[in-house]
Amino acid sequence: MRITAIRDVVAPIKSDIANAWIDFSTMTVSVVAVVTDLVVDGRPVVGLGFNSNGRYAPQGLLRERFIPRLLAAAPEDIQGEDGLIDPHRAWAAMMKNEKPGGHGERSVAVGVLDMALWDALAKAKGVPLWRLLADRYRGGDADARAWVYAAGGYYYPGKGLDALKDEMRSYLDRGYSTVKMKVGLVPLEEDIARIEAVLSVLGGDGSRLCVDVNGRFTLEEAIRFGRAVAPYGLRWYEEPVDPLDCLAHAALATTYDGSLATGENLFSHQDARNLIRHGGLRPDRDILQFDPALSYGLVEYLRTLEVLRSHGWSPRRCVPHGGHQFALNIAVGLGLGGNESYPDVFAPFGGFADAVPVEDSRVAMPDVPGIGFEAKNALYAVMRPLERE
């Protein structure tokens, strides 16, 4: 199995929404297709991938460094013993001559290609990625369904409390029982009113609501906000301070007894290890949101899971950011705690296969070879031109 071409394109996912830190008026993603010479069922195997929302398309890095390195690698250097492309060996080829540290935008570029390589490998074997992962790493034990929650509640021009409640009702109508909303952009009193509006839709059950600050608060602001929302018993309080400020996380954890969630903006197993060592997080209640599509891909995510295990953390405490099918396959195949979902935003990259219903915030996986992009029509329409070029 050899790579014959790698194609990429930049796709827009711009919208008028905003969180506490950024708006999405110019947001983009990179989409790649890794074309191989292996033919299955009369068609060449093509692996497809893209990066999660929140980080812009890394096209320059892809074209200048990582795609050329992958194409230049000797076929035998990136193949496994079965003759198929081995994502671990391909990862090593892509990272050749890269210094340690600096886990920023390059992790996104490598993650895009890593996603496509795992998609190609699973297609070559004729199995869904979740099945491949369960067989390889869990003795065949795959979760029957994955827990998912609906992420929304963004700030939007002219969007008042009634519109916010209507949005959350629409998620409940589509089978979600747990939802997430953005906070931190407006004064505390306004956010409390927004939270109480959403809780009124959820029957007052705070365990069905997550709130996300996107790293906006200082420690003092995070403590003040935490004290204000503590009586609601929220599912979790997400990314309250800067994601790299471990000391602030540790200090907040001494004052907030509820669940904290963070990690979506940490992109390596080394960063994850620092968070676990120094961030004061608690393995009995807190949530880790490392996104494999942004953090060098699944090859690196496996290293991150090993770091967590060595420090007493269960994979069930991991609920990846991103709301994409790649992380959903990983959650089911590797036994994570669940996955984010974007029912309405970042289309067509958010959400799952078209025929997959959400029932009580849980989804089952389709039996589609690879990651399953072909079962999501709007997304596959973006990818298909690269596949057939």
Protein backbone atom coordinates (compact mmCIF):
# COMPACT_ATOMS: atom_id res chain seq x y z
CA MET A 1 0.00 0.00 0.00
CA ARG A 2 1.63 3.22 -1.19
CA ILE A 3 0.62 6.86 -1.11
CA THR A 4 0.24 8.17 -4.65
CA ALA A 5 -1.00 11.71 -3.92
CA ILE A 6 -2.03 14.01 -1.08
CA ARG A 7 -4.49 16.81 -1.86
CA ASP A 8 -5.68 19.61 0.39
CA VAL A 9 -8.12 22.48 0.34
CA VAL A 10 -9.23 25.21 2.74
CA ALA A 11 -12.93 25.29 3.59
CA PRO A 12 -14.74 28.13 5.41
CA ILE A 13 -16.83 27.58 8.54
CA LYS A 14 -17.40 31.26 9.24
CA SER A 15 -20.42 32.46 11.22
CA ASP A 16 -21.51 35.38 13.38
CA ILE A 17 -21.28 33.44 16.64
CA ALA A 18 -18.76 34.26 19.37
CA ASN A 19 -17.50 32.81 22.60
CA ALA A 20 -15.82 34.71 25.42
CA TRP A 21 -12.50 34.91 23.55
CA ILE A 22 -13.01 34.88 19.76
CA ASP A 23 -15.63 35.24 17.06
CA PHE A 24 -15.86 32.87 14.12
CA SER A 25 -16.28 35.40 11.32
CA THR A 26 -13.14 34.21 9.50
CA MET A 27 -12.77 30.63 10.74
CA THR A 28 -11.44 28.02 8.29
CA VAL A 29 -10.41 24.36 8.27
CA SER A 30 -8.05 22.31 6.13
CA VAL A 31 -9.39 19.20 4.41
CA VAL A 32 -7.01 16.55 3.05
CA ALA A 33 -7.22 13.39 0.98
CA VAL A 34 -4.44 10.79 1.14
CA VAL A 35 -4.73 8.75 -2.06
CA THR A 36 -3.23 5.24 -2.17
CA ASP A 37 -2.66 2.58 -4.79
CA LEU A 38 -4.62 -0.04 -2.83
CA VAL A 39 -7.92 -0.99 -4.45
CA VAL A 40 -10.80 -2.30 -2.33
CA ASP A 41 -14.14 -3.18 -3.92
CA GLY A 42 -12.98 -1.70 -7.21
CA ARG A 43 -12.00 1.72 -5.78
CA PRO A 44 -8.68 3.15 -4.63
CA VAL A 45 -8.48 3.58 -0.87
CA VAL A 46 -8.49 7.28 -0.01
CA GLY A 47 -8.08 8.52 3.55
CA LEU A 48 -9.87 11.75 4.46
CA GLY A 49 -9.24 14.21 7.27
CA PHE A 50 -9.75 17.76 8.56
CA ASN A 51 -8.96 19.89 11.60
CA SER A 52 -11.39 20.82 14.35
CA ASN A 53 -12.96 24.24 14.75
CA GLY A 54 -11.21 26.93 16.75
CA ARG A 55 -7.86 26.61 14.97
CA TYR A 56 -7.47 28.01 11.48
CA ALA A 57 -6.59 25.93 8.42
CA PRO A 58 -2.86 25.05 8.63
CA GLN A 59 -2.40 24.95 4.86
CA GLY A 60 1.04 26.56 4.90
CA LEU A 61 2.41 24.00 7.34
CA LEU A 62 0.80 21.16 5.42
CA ARG A 63 2.22 22.22 2.06
CA GLU A 64 5.65 23.38 3.21
CA ARG A 65 6.60 20.63 5.66
CA PHE A 66 4.30 17.76 6.45
CA ILE A 67 2.82 16.72 3.10
CA PRO A 68 6.26 16.82 1.37
CA ARG A 69 7.81 14.71 4.13
CA LEU A 70 5.08 12.11 3.92
CA LEU A 71 5.34 11.93 0.14
CA ALA A 72 9.14 11.71 0.30
CA ALA A 73 9.19 8.80 2.75
CA ALA A 74 10.20 5.44 1.33
CA PRO A 75 7.07 3.25 1.15
CA GLU A 76 8.67 0.52 3.28
CA ASP A 77 9.47 3.07 5.99
CA ILE A 78 5.81 3.90 6.58
CA GLN A 79 4.34 0.43 6.14
CA GLY A 80 3.54 -2.09 8.82
CA GLU A 81 4.29 -5.79 8.68
CA ASP A 82 1.00 -6.32 6.85
CA GLY A 83 2.14 -4.04 4.03
CA LEU A 84 -0.46 -1.40 4.87
CA ILE A 85 0.38 2.17 5.83
CA ASP A 86 1.16 2.35 9.54
CA PRO A 87 0.03 5.70 11.04
CA HIS A 88 2.71 5.44 13.74
CA ARG A 89 5.53 5.11 11.20
CA ALA A 90 3.98 7.80 9.01
CA TRP A 91 3.81 10.09 12.04
CA ALA A 92 7.53 9.61 12.65
CA ALA A 93 8.24 10.49 9.02
CA MET A 94 6.17 13.67 9.25
CA MET A 95 7.90 14.78 12.45
CA LYS A 96 11.43 14.22 11.17
CA ASN A 97 13.67 17.23 11.94
CA GLU A 98 11.07 18.81 14.24
CA LYS A 99 12.46 20.02 17.56
CA PRO A 100 10.64 19.14 20.79
CA GLY A 101 8.30 21.70 22.33
CA GLY A 102 6.30 24.32 20.49
CA HIS A 103 3.13 22.26 20.42
CA GLY A 104 0.98 24.80 18.61
CA GLU A 105 -0.20 25.02 15.05
CA ARG A 106 2.05 22.24 13.72
CA SER A 107 0.10 19.81 15.91
CA VAL A 108 -3.01 20.77 13.94
CA ALA A 109 -1.38 20.09 10.58
CA VAL A 110 -0.05 16.71 11.67
CA GLY A 111 -3.46 15.92 13.18
CA VAL A 112 -5.21 16.51 9.85
CA LEU A 113 -2.94 14.03 8.07
CA ASP A 114 -3.04 11.55 10.95
CA MET A 115 -6.84 11.49 10.73
CA ALA A 116 -6.68 10.71 7.02
CA LEU A 117 -4.10 7.96 7.58
CA TRP A 118 -6.26 6.18 10.16
CA ASP A 119 -9.25 6.54 7.84
CA ALA A 120 -7.22 4.92 5.05
CA LEU A 121 -5.99 2.09 7.27
CA ALA A 122 -9.47 1.20 8.49
CA LYS A 123 -10.80 1.29 4.93
CA ALA A 124 -7.94 -0.94 3.79
CA LYS A 125 -8.97 -3.47 6.43
CA GLY A 126 -12.66 -3.04 5.56
CA VAL A 127 -13.74 -2.12 9.10
CA PRO A 128 -14.95 0.99 10.92
CA LEU A 129 -12.21 2.82 12.78
CA TRP A 130 -13.90 2.21 16.12
CA ARG A 131 -13.78 -1.54 15.49
CA LEU A 132 -10.11 -1.41 14.44
CA LEU A 133 -9.24 0.47 17.65
CA ALA A 134 -11.24 -1.82 19.90
CA ASP A 135 -9.64 -4.91 18.37
CA ARG A 136 -6.13 -3.48 18.51
CA TYR A 137 -6.16 -1.81 21.93
CA ARG A 138 -9.07 -3.23 23.99
CA GLY A 139 -9.21 -6.90 23.09
CA GLY A 140 -12.24 -6.30 20.86
CA ASP A 141 -14.30 -4.56 23.54
CA ALA A 142 -16.07 -1.57 21.96
CA ASP A 143 -18.70 0.52 23.70
CA ALA A 144 -22.20 -0.08 22.40
CA ARG A 145 -22.96 3.64 22.40
CA ALA A 146 -21.16 6.90 23.18
CA TRP A 147 -22.43 9.62 25.49
CA VAL A 148 -22.63 12.98 23.69
CA TYR A 149 -23.75 16.45 24.65
CA ALA A 150 -25.00 19.35 22.52
CA ALA A 151 -22.57 22.27 22.47
CA GLY A 152 -24.09 25.65 21.65
CA GLY A 153 -25.31 28.67 23.51
CA TYR A 154 -22.91 31.01 21.73
CA TYR A 155 -23.20 34.76 21.89
CA TYR A 156 -24.94 35.98 18.77
CA PRO A 157 -25.96 39.53 17.76
CA GLY A 158 -29.50 40.21 18.88
CA LYS A 159 -29.90 36.82 20.57
CA GLY A 160 -31.86 37.24 23.79
CA LEU A 161 -32.97 34.83 26.47
CA ASP A 162 -35.99 33.57 24.53
CA ALA A 163 -33.85 32.66 21.54
CA LEU A 164 -31.33 30.96 23.83
CA LYS A 165 -34.08 28.88 25.40
CA ASP A 166 -35.48 27.97 21.98
CA GLU A 167 -32.04 26.77 20.92
CA MET A 168 -31.72 24.53 23.96
CA ARG A 169 -35.24 23.15 23.49
CA SER A 170 -34.29 22.21 19.94
CA TYR A 171 -31.40 20.11 21.29
CA LEU A 172 -33.71 18.32 23.69
CA ASP A 173 -36.12 17.68 20.83
CA ARG A 174 -33.28 16.04 18.88
CA GLY A 175 -32.46 13.59 21.64
CA TYR A 176 -29.85 15.39 23.74
CA SER A 177 -30.36 15.46 27.49
CA THR A 178 -27.16 17.39 28.31
CA VAL A 179 -26.22 20.75 26.77
CA LYS A 180 -23.42 23.29 26.96
CA MET A 181 -23.44 27.08 26.71
CA LYS A 182 -20.83 29.81 26.46
CA VAL A 183 -20.22 32.24 29.33
CA GLY A 184 -17.66 34.87 30.25
CA LEU A 185 -18.16 37.53 27.56
CA VAL A 186 -20.76 39.60 29.43
CA PRO A 187 -20.98 40.76 33.06
CA LEU A 188 -21.57 38.04 35.64
CA GLU A 189 -25.14 39.14 36.31
CA GLU A 190 -26.05 38.75 32.63
CA ASP A 191 -24.46 35.30 32.43
CA ILE A 192 -26.33 34.21 35.55
CA ALA A 193 -29.58 35.28 33.88
CA ARG A 194 -28.60 33.28 30.78
CA ILE A 195 -27.76 30.22 32.88
CA GLU A 196 -31.04 30.41 34.76
CA ALA A 197 -32.91 30.73 31.47
CA VAL A 198 -31.34 27.53 30.19
CA LEU A 199 -31.93 25.76 33.50
CA SER A 200 -35.63 26.61 33.18
CA VAL A 201 -35.66 24.57 29.96
CA LEU A 202 -33.82 21.71 31.69
CA GLY A 203 -36.29 21.51 34.54
CA GLY A 204 -33.84 23.16 36.91
CA ASP A 205 -31.43 20.22 36.69
CA GLY A 206 -27.92 21.70 36.74
CA SER A 207 -26.33 18.29 36.14
CA ARG A 208 -27.58 18.55 32.55
CA LEU A 209 -25.80 21.87 31.87
CA CYS A 210 -22.12 22.60 31.17
CA VAL A 211 -20.74 26.14 30.95
CA ASP A 212 -17.64 27.12 28.95
CA VAL A 213 -15.48 30.21 29.55
CA ASN A 214 -12.92 29.48 26.80
CA GLY A 215 -10.05 30.53 29.07
CA ARG A 216 -11.19 34.13 29.47
CA PHE A 217 -11.13 34.63 33.23
CA THR A 218 -8.34 35.69 35.54
CA LEU A 219 -8.07 33.52 38.64
CA GLU A 220 -10.00 36.08 40.68
CA GLU A 221 -12.79 36.20 38.10
CA ALA A 222 -12.89 32.41 37.89
CA ILE A 223 -13.24 32.08 41.66
CA ARG A 224 -16.02 34.69 41.71
CA PHE A 225 -17.88 33.00 38.88
CA GLY A 226 -17.41 29.56 40.45
CA ARG A 227 -18.91 30.73 43.72
CA ALA A 228 -21.86 32.23 41.87
CA VAL A 229 -22.69 29.06 39.95
CA ALA A 230 -21.82 26.48 42.63
CA PRO A 231 -25.43 26.29 43.93
CA TYR A 232 -26.65 25.15 40.49
CA GLY A 233 -24.70 21.86 40.60
CA LEU A 234 -23.54 22.16 36.98
CA ARG A 235 -22.27 19.16 35.00
CA TRP A 236 -18.98 20.99 34.61
CA TYR A 237 -17.29 24.40 34.59
CA GLU A 238 -15.09 24.45 31.49
CA GLU A 239 -11.77 26.14 30.72
CA PRO A 240 -12.22 28.86 33.34
CA VAL A 241 -8.67 30.25 33.06
CA ASP A 242 -5.83 30.25 30.54
CA PRO A 243 -5.23 26.63 29.50
CA LEU A 244 -1.48 26.85 30.19
CA ASP A 245 -1.81 28.32 33.68
CA CYS A 246 -1.58 25.18 35.78
CA LEU A 247 -1.18 27.09 39.04
CA ALA A 248 -4.42 29.00 38.45
CA HIS A 249 -6.25 25.73 37.75
CA ALA A 250 -4.84 24.25 40.94
CA ALA A 251 -5.87 27.28 42.99
CA LEU A 252 -9.39 27.26 41.55
CA ALA A 253 -9.76 23.55 42.32
CA THR A 254 -9.28 24.36 46.02
CA THR A 255 -12.32 26.65 45.99
CA TYR A 256 -14.65 24.95 43.48
CA ASP A 257 -15.93 21.55 44.54
CA GLY A 258 -17.80 20.79 41.34
CA SER A 259 -16.36 19.32 38.15
CA LEU A 260 -13.85 21.33 36.15
CA ALA A 261 -13.14 20.60 32.47
CA THR A 262 -10.17 21.68 30.37
CA GLY A 263 -7.56 20.51 27.88
CA GLU A 264 -8.93 21.34 24.44
CA ASN A 265 -6.11 23.84 23.89
CA LEU A 266 -3.31 21.52 24.98
CA PHE A 267 -1.80 19.69 22.04
CA SER A 268 0.71 17.09 23.22
CA HIS A 269 1.17 14.34 25.79
CA GLN A 270 3.81 16.53 27.46
CA ASP A 271 1.30 19.35 27.94
CA ALA A 272 -1.24 16.86 29.22
CA ARG A 273 1.31 15.52 31.69
CA ASN A 274 2.05 19.02 32.98
CA LEU A 275 -1.67 19.66 33.48
CA ILE A 276 -2.10 16.43 35.43
CA ARG A 277 1.04 16.99 37.50
CA HIS A 278 0.54 20.64 38.33
CA GLY A 279 -3.06 21.66 37.53
CA GLY A 280 -4.68 20.36 40.69
CA LEU A 281 -7.30 18.42 38.74
CA ARG A 282 -9.11 15.58 40.45
CA PRO A 283 -9.46 12.19 38.73
CA ASP A 284 -12.73 11.43 40.49
CA ARG A 285 -14.67 14.36 39.02
CA ASP A 286 -12.82 16.50 36.48
CA ILE A 287 -12.98 16.16 32.68
CA LEU A 288 -10.13 16.22 30.15
CA GLN A 289 -10.97 17.51 26.67
CA PHE A 290 -7.84 16.91 24.57
CA ASP A 291 -8.86 16.89 20.91
CA PRO A 292 -7.01 14.27 18.82
CA ALA A 293 -7.60 16.22 15.61
CA LEU A 294 -5.76 19.24 17.03
CA SER A 295 -3.06 17.45 19.02
CA TYR A 296 -0.96 15.57 16.46
CA GLY A 297 -3.69 13.01 15.83
CA LEU A 298 -4.51 9.62 17.29
CA VAL A 299 -0.87 8.48 17.40
CA GLU A 300 -0.14 11.20 19.96
CA TYR A 301 -3.52 10.78 21.68
CA LEU A 302 -2.57 7.18 22.49
CA ARG A 303 0.53 8.53 24.22
CA THR A 304 -1.63 11.00 26.12
CA LEU A 305 -3.92 8.21 27.34
CA GLU A 306 -0.89 6.28 28.56
CA VAL A 307 0.31 9.35 30.48
CA LEU A 308 -3.11 9.64 32.09
CA ARG A 309 -3.18 5.98 33.10
CA SER A 310 0.27 6.27 34.66
CA HIS A 311 -1.05 9.11 36.83
CA GLY A 312 -4.19 7.27 37.92
CA TRP A 313 -6.66 8.71 35.44
CA SER A 314 -9.24 6.60 33.64
CA PRO A 315 -9.94 7.13 29.92
CA ARG A 316 -13.56 7.59 31.02
CA ARG A 317 -12.58 11.06 32.28
CA CYS A 318 -11.76 12.04 28.68
CA VAL A 319 -14.48 13.73 26.61
CA PRO A 320 -12.76 15.16 23.50
CA HIS A 321 -13.45 18.61 22.11
CA GLY A 322 -14.38 19.02 18.47
CA GLY A 323 -17.70 17.31 17.90
CA HIS A 324 -16.40 15.27 14.95
CA GLN A 325 -16.64 11.66 13.79
CA PHE A 326 -12.93 10.99 14.35
CA ALA A 327 -13.17 11.61 18.09
CA LEU A 328 -16.46 9.73 18.24
CA ASN A 329 -14.80 6.62 16.76
CA ILE A 330 -11.99 6.99 19.28
CA ALA A 331 -14.43 7.37 22.17
CA VAL A 332 -16.26 4.17 21.24
CA GLY A 333 -13.17 2.16 20.31
CA LEU A 334 -10.96 3.19 23.23
CA GLY A 335 -13.60 3.50 25.94
CA LEU A 336 -13.59 7.24 26.60
CA GLY A 337 -16.21 9.07 28.60
CA GLY A 338 -18.02 10.52 25.60
CA ASN A 339 -17.73 13.16 22.92
CA GLU A 340 -18.77 16.71 22.16
CA SER A 341 -21.43 17.36 19.51
CA TYR A 342 -22.29 20.45 17.46
CA PRO A 343 -25.83 20.00 16.16
CA ASP A 344 -26.11 23.48 14.60
CA VAL A 345 -22.68 25.13 14.27
CA PHE A 346 -19.52 24.48 12.24
CA ALA A 347 -21.46 22.69 9.54
CA PRO A 348 -20.80 20.41 7.80
CA PHE A 349 -17.83 19.36 9.95
CA GLY A 350 -19.71 19.12 13.23
CA GLY A 351 -22.12 16.31 13.93
CA PHE A 352 -22.15 12.65 13.09
CA ALA A 353 -23.45 10.27 10.41
CA ASP A 354 -26.83 11.21 8.98
CA ALA A 355 -28.56 7.98 9.99
CA VAL A 356 -27.29 8.03 13.59
CA PRO A 357 -30.06 9.14 15.97
CA VAL A 358 -29.34 10.69 19.36
CA GLU A 359 -31.29 9.07 22.17
CA ASP A 360 -30.91 10.33 25.74
CA SER A 361 -27.58 11.93 24.73
CA ARG A 362 -26.22 8.64 23.38
CA VAL A 363 -25.38 7.52 19.86
CA ALA A 364 -24.53 4.16 18.31
CA MET A 365 -21.91 3.79 15.60
CA PRO A 366 -22.67 2.91 11.98
CA ASP A 367 -20.92 -0.09 10.42
CA VAL A 368 -19.11 1.98 7.77
CA PRO A 369 -15.44 1.30 6.89
CA GLY A 370 -13.05 4.03 8.00
CA ILE A 371 -14.15 7.02 10.03
CA GLY A 372 -17.49 7.12 8.24
CA PHE A 373 -17.40 10.47 6.45
CA GLU A 374 -19.20 8.91 3.50
CA ALA A 375 -22.25 8.44 5.74
CA LYS A 376 -22.50 12.22 6.34
CA ASN A 377 -23.69 13.61 3.03
CA ALA A 378 -23.02 17.32 3.52
CA LEU A 379 -19.47 16.69 4.73
CA TYR A 380 -18.69 14.10 2.08
CA ALA A 381 -19.80 16.60 -0.57
CA VAL A 382 -16.89 18.81 0.54
CA MET A 383 -14.44 15.91 0.58
CA ARG A 384 -15.49 14.10 -2.59
CA PRO A 385 -13.81 16.48 -5.05
CA LEU A 386 -10.45 15.86 -3.37
CA GLU A 387 -11.03 12.14 -3.50
CA ARG A 388 -11.87 12.11 -7.20
CA GLU A 389 -9.58 14.86 -8.52
